[in-house]
Protein backbone atom coordinates (compact mmCIF):
# COMPACT_ATOMS: atom_id res chain seq x y z
CA MET A 1 2.33 -17.28 -3.42
CA ARG A 2 5.86 -17.68 -2.15
CA ILE A 3 8.23 -14.81 -1.85
CA LYS A 4 11.71 -16.09 -2.74
CA GLN A 5 13.40 -12.80 -3.26
CA ALA A 6 12.76 -9.17 -2.46
CA GLU A 7 15.18 -6.32 -2.87
CA PHE A 8 15.25 -2.56 -2.76
CA VAL A 9 15.75 -1.16 -6.25
CA LYS A 10 15.77 2.62 -5.94
CA SER A 11 14.03 5.79 -4.59
CA ALA A 12 12.59 8.28 -6.96
CA VAL A 13 10.78 11.60 -6.98
CA TYR A 14 10.17 12.22 -10.73
CA GLU A 15 8.84 9.80 -13.32
CA LYS A 16 12.10 9.81 -15.37
CA ASP A 17 13.72 8.18 -12.34
CA TYR A 18 11.27 5.35 -11.97
CA PRO A 19 12.78 1.91 -12.83
CA ILE A 20 12.04 0.36 -16.11
CA GLU A 21 8.61 -1.31 -16.10
CA LEU A 22 8.41 -5.05 -15.79
CA ASN A 23 5.91 -7.16 -17.74
CA ASN A 24 3.63 -7.40 -14.73
CA MET A 25 1.57 -4.64 -13.06
CA GLU A 26 3.03 -3.07 -9.85
CA PHE A 27 1.46 -2.86 -6.45
CA ALA A 28 1.60 0.55 -4.57
CA PHE A 29 1.02 0.99 -0.87
CA VAL A 30 -0.28 4.25 0.45
CA GLY A 31 -1.82 5.54 3.67
CA ARG A 32 -1.60 8.12 6.34
CA SER A 33 1.70 8.44 8.38
CA ASN A 34 2.12 5.75 10.94
CA VAL A 35 -0.64 3.53 9.50
CA GLY A 36 1.95 0.61 9.20
CA LYS A 37 2.88 0.75 5.62
CA SER A 38 6.51 -0.28 5.97
CA SER A 39 5.69 -2.97 8.48
CA LEU A 40 3.11 -4.48 6.07
CA ILE A 41 5.62 -4.51 3.21
CA ASN A 42 8.16 -6.23 5.49
CA SER A 43 5.47 -8.76 6.56
CA ILE A 44 4.30 -9.84 3.25
CA THR A 45 7.79 -10.02 1.76
CA GLY A 46 9.13 -11.90 4.75
CA ARG A 47 12.00 -9.47 5.05
CA LYS A 48 12.16 -7.71 8.50
CA LYS A 49 14.24 -4.70 7.40
CA LEU A 50 13.30 -4.31 3.68
CA ALA A 51 11.31 -1.20 4.17
CA LYS A 52 12.52 1.08 6.92
CA THR A 53 10.03 1.41 9.83
CA SER A 54 9.91 4.28 12.22
CA LYS A 55 7.70 5.52 15.16
CA THR A 56 8.19 9.03 13.74
CA PRO A 57 5.29 9.86 11.25
CA GLY A 58 6.40 10.84 7.80
CA ARG A 59 9.46 8.70 7.51
CA THR A 60 8.74 7.75 3.88
CA GLN A 61 9.40 10.96 1.79
CA LEU A 62 10.28 9.38 -1.55
CA ILE A 63 8.79 6.72 -3.80
CA ASN A 64 10.55 3.53 -2.87
CA TYR A 65 10.72 0.57 -5.33
CA PHE A 66 11.26 -3.06 -4.31
CA LYS A 67 11.52 -5.93 -6.81
CA VAL A 68 9.83 -9.12 -5.78
CA ASN A 69 10.74 -12.60 -7.26
CA ASN A 70 12.15 -10.71 -10.32
CA GLU A 71 8.49 -10.57 -11.40
CA PHE A 72 6.95 -7.39 -10.09
CA TYR A 73 7.46 -4.22 -8.07
CA ILE A 74 6.16 -3.18 -4.68
CA VAL A 75 5.95 0.49 -4.45
CA ASP A 76 6.10 2.36 -1.13
CA LEU A 77 4.52 5.80 -1.49
CA PRO A 78 4.92 8.74 0.93
CA GLY A 79 2.58 8.83 3.92
CA TYR A 80 0.10 11.69 4.31
CA GLY A 81 -1.54 13.16 7.30
CA PHE A 82 -0.19 14.24 10.60
CA ALA A 83 3.56 14.21 10.01
CA LYS A 84 5.15 17.13 11.79
CA VAL A 85 6.85 18.72 8.83
CA PRO A 86 6.51 22.17 7.12
CA LYS A 87 3.56 22.64 4.85
CA GLU A 88 5.83 23.14 1.85
CA MET A 89 7.36 19.70 2.40
CA LYS A 90 3.99 18.13 2.67
CA ALA A 91 3.05 19.82 -0.58
CA GLU A 92 6.10 18.41 -2.28
CA TRP A 93 5.24 14.88 -1.02
CA GLY A 94 1.77 15.37 -2.48
CA LYS A 95 3.19 16.26 -5.90
CA THR A 96 5.58 13.30 -5.72
CA MET A 97 2.54 10.97 -5.05
CA GLU A 98 0.39 12.69 -7.69
CA ARG A 99 3.05 12.19 -10.35
CA TYR A 100 3.12 8.52 -9.64
CA ILE A 101 -0.65 7.90 -9.43
CA THR A 102 -1.31 9.84 -12.60
CA SER A 103 1.50 8.09 -14.48
CA THR A 104 0.73 5.53 -17.11
CA ARG A 105 2.39 2.74 -15.26
CA LYS A 106 0.12 -0.31 -14.84
CA LYS A 107 -0.64 -0.38 -11.20
CA LEU A 108 -2.93 -1.40 -8.36
CA VAL A 109 -2.95 0.71 -5.25
CA PHE A 110 -3.48 -0.65 -1.69
CA VAL A 111 -4.90 2.04 0.59
CA LEU A 112 -4.04 1.33 4.20
CA LEU A 113 -6.47 2.30 6.96
CA ASP A 114 -6.00 1.70 10.68
CA ILE A 115 -8.93 -0.45 11.82
CA ARG A 116 -9.22 1.54 15.04
CA ARG A 117 -9.68 4.97 13.38
CA ILE A 118 -12.42 6.64 11.50
CA PRO A 119 -11.09 7.50 7.96
CA SER A 120 -9.75 11.01 7.87
CA GLU A 121 -10.69 13.60 5.21
CA GLU A 122 -7.29 12.81 3.59
CA ASP A 123 -8.15 9.03 3.42
CA ILE A 124 -11.45 9.87 1.77
CA GLU A 125 -9.71 12.27 -0.69
CA MET A 126 -7.14 9.68 -1.61
CA LEU A 127 -9.94 7.04 -2.33
CA VAL A 128 -11.98 9.59 -4.41
CA TRP A 129 -8.80 10.64 -6.23
CA LEU A 130 -7.91 7.12 -7.23
CA ASP A 131 -11.52 6.52 -8.39
CA HIS A 132 -11.39 9.82 -10.35
CA HIS A 133 -8.25 8.66 -12.17
CA ASN A 134 -9.67 5.20 -12.74
CA ILE A 135 -6.86 3.59 -10.80
CA PRO A 136 -7.76 0.22 -9.37
CA PHE A 137 -7.45 0.01 -5.57
CA LYS A 138 -8.12 -2.16 -2.61
CA ILE A 139 -8.37 -1.28 1.13
CA ILE A 140 -6.31 -3.02 3.75
CA PHE A 141 -7.23 -2.45 7.38
CA THR A 142 -4.06 -2.63 9.45
CA LYS A 143 -3.31 -3.29 13.14
CA ILE A 144 -6.16 -5.77 13.58
CA ASP A 145 -4.20 -7.42 16.44
CA LYS A 146 -5.06 -4.32 18.43
CA VAL A 147 -8.78 -5.12 18.58
CA SER A 148 -10.93 -8.16 19.63
CA ASN A 149 -13.44 -9.65 17.20
CA ASN A 150 -16.21 -7.65 18.94
CA GLU A 151 -14.24 -4.45 18.67
CA LYS A 152 -13.41 -5.20 15.12
CA SER A 153 -17.16 -5.45 14.28
CA LYS A 154 -17.90 -2.14 16.05
CA CYS A 155 -14.92 -0.47 14.34
CA LEU A 156 -16.17 -1.62 10.91
CA LYS A 157 -19.67 -0.39 11.70
CA ASP A 158 -18.33 3.08 12.58
CA ILE A 159 -16.11 3.24 9.53
CA LYS A 160 -19.04 2.26 7.31
CA LYS A 161 -20.74 5.42 8.30
CA LYS A 162 -18.16 7.24 6.24
CA LEU A 163 -17.04 4.67 3.67
CA GLU A 164 -19.06 2.18 1.60
CA PHE A 165 -17.54 -1.24 1.24
CA TYR A 166 -18.27 -4.91 1.68
CA ASP A 167 -16.29 -7.01 4.22
CA ASP A 168 -15.40 -9.52 1.60
CA ASP A 169 -13.92 -6.81 -0.62
CA VAL A 170 -11.22 -5.54 1.80
CA PHE A 171 -8.18 -7.07 3.48
CA PHE A 172 -7.29 -7.22 7.11
CA HIS A 173 -3.71 -7.43 8.27
CA SER A 174 -1.50 -7.50 11.40
CA SER A 175 2.26 -7.09 11.03
CA LEU A 176 2.66 -8.44 14.56
CA ASN A 177 1.48 -11.92 13.76
CA ASN A 178 1.17 -11.78 9.91
CA THR A 179 -2.56 -12.26 9.96
CA GLY A 180 -3.97 -11.61 6.48
CA LYS A 181 -0.59 -11.90 4.80
CA GLU A 182 -1.57 -14.94 2.67
CA ASN A 183 -4.79 -13.30 1.53
CA ILE A 184 -3.00 -10.23 0.25
CA LEU A 185 -0.27 -12.35 -1.45
CA ASN A 186 -2.82 -14.64 -3.01
CA TYR A 187 -4.68 -11.62 -4.42
CA ILE A 188 -1.45 -10.19 -5.85
CA ASP A 189 -0.65 -13.54 -7.31
CA SER A 190 -4.03 -13.71 -9.01
CA LEU A 191 -3.30 -10.52 -10.93
CA LEU A 192 0.23 -11.46 -12.09
CA ILE A 193 0.91 -12.70 -15.62
CA LYS A 194 2.35 -16.12 -15.15
CA LYS A 195 5.48 -17.13 -17.17
CA GLU A 196 3.97 -20.46 -17.91
CA MET A 197 0.91 -18.80 -19.51
CA LYS A 198 3.09 -16.59 -21.59
CA GLU A 199 5.12 -19.54 -22.84
CA GLU A 200 1.96 -21.39 -23.86
CA ALA A 201 0.47 -18.37 -25.70
């Protein structure tokens, strides 16, 4: 899949402010603060500054919509976890995310996990929550450039003590060297309704 165009559309908090749905499903990215969400979005779209990156956890506070190839939306959801913000604000972010996830919009959620970290309770809760609401999701392990192949195997072994998954059923990505970018884009492409197919129908 080739990304020819990617642009920021709008930020939203409430469902009434979401952009009008396109014919295709949309792809949302979620993960704990500082997991590399914005960097991954910039990597797969090939736009260095499309999503704002920050070393400060909790930068994404709204739902940010990006339109890609005029075909589908990428949705950047608020981070969760250790952001140093008041509990009340965290609660608001949670509500913002819950409204989106429980909305009727046709979506697939990519849950980002740092390959070097054992999944937190909040990570597990997010996966259980998506499963409970019958929302299709995939796991992307980020920052794989930070570990060697041997370390990667050990990290996955440790993670599997807390999470059940097959290596072939998850993605691995590095925003530093774009490793895994094509696999993610090809998967997204496989789920898109192609214009040629629509015209033939």
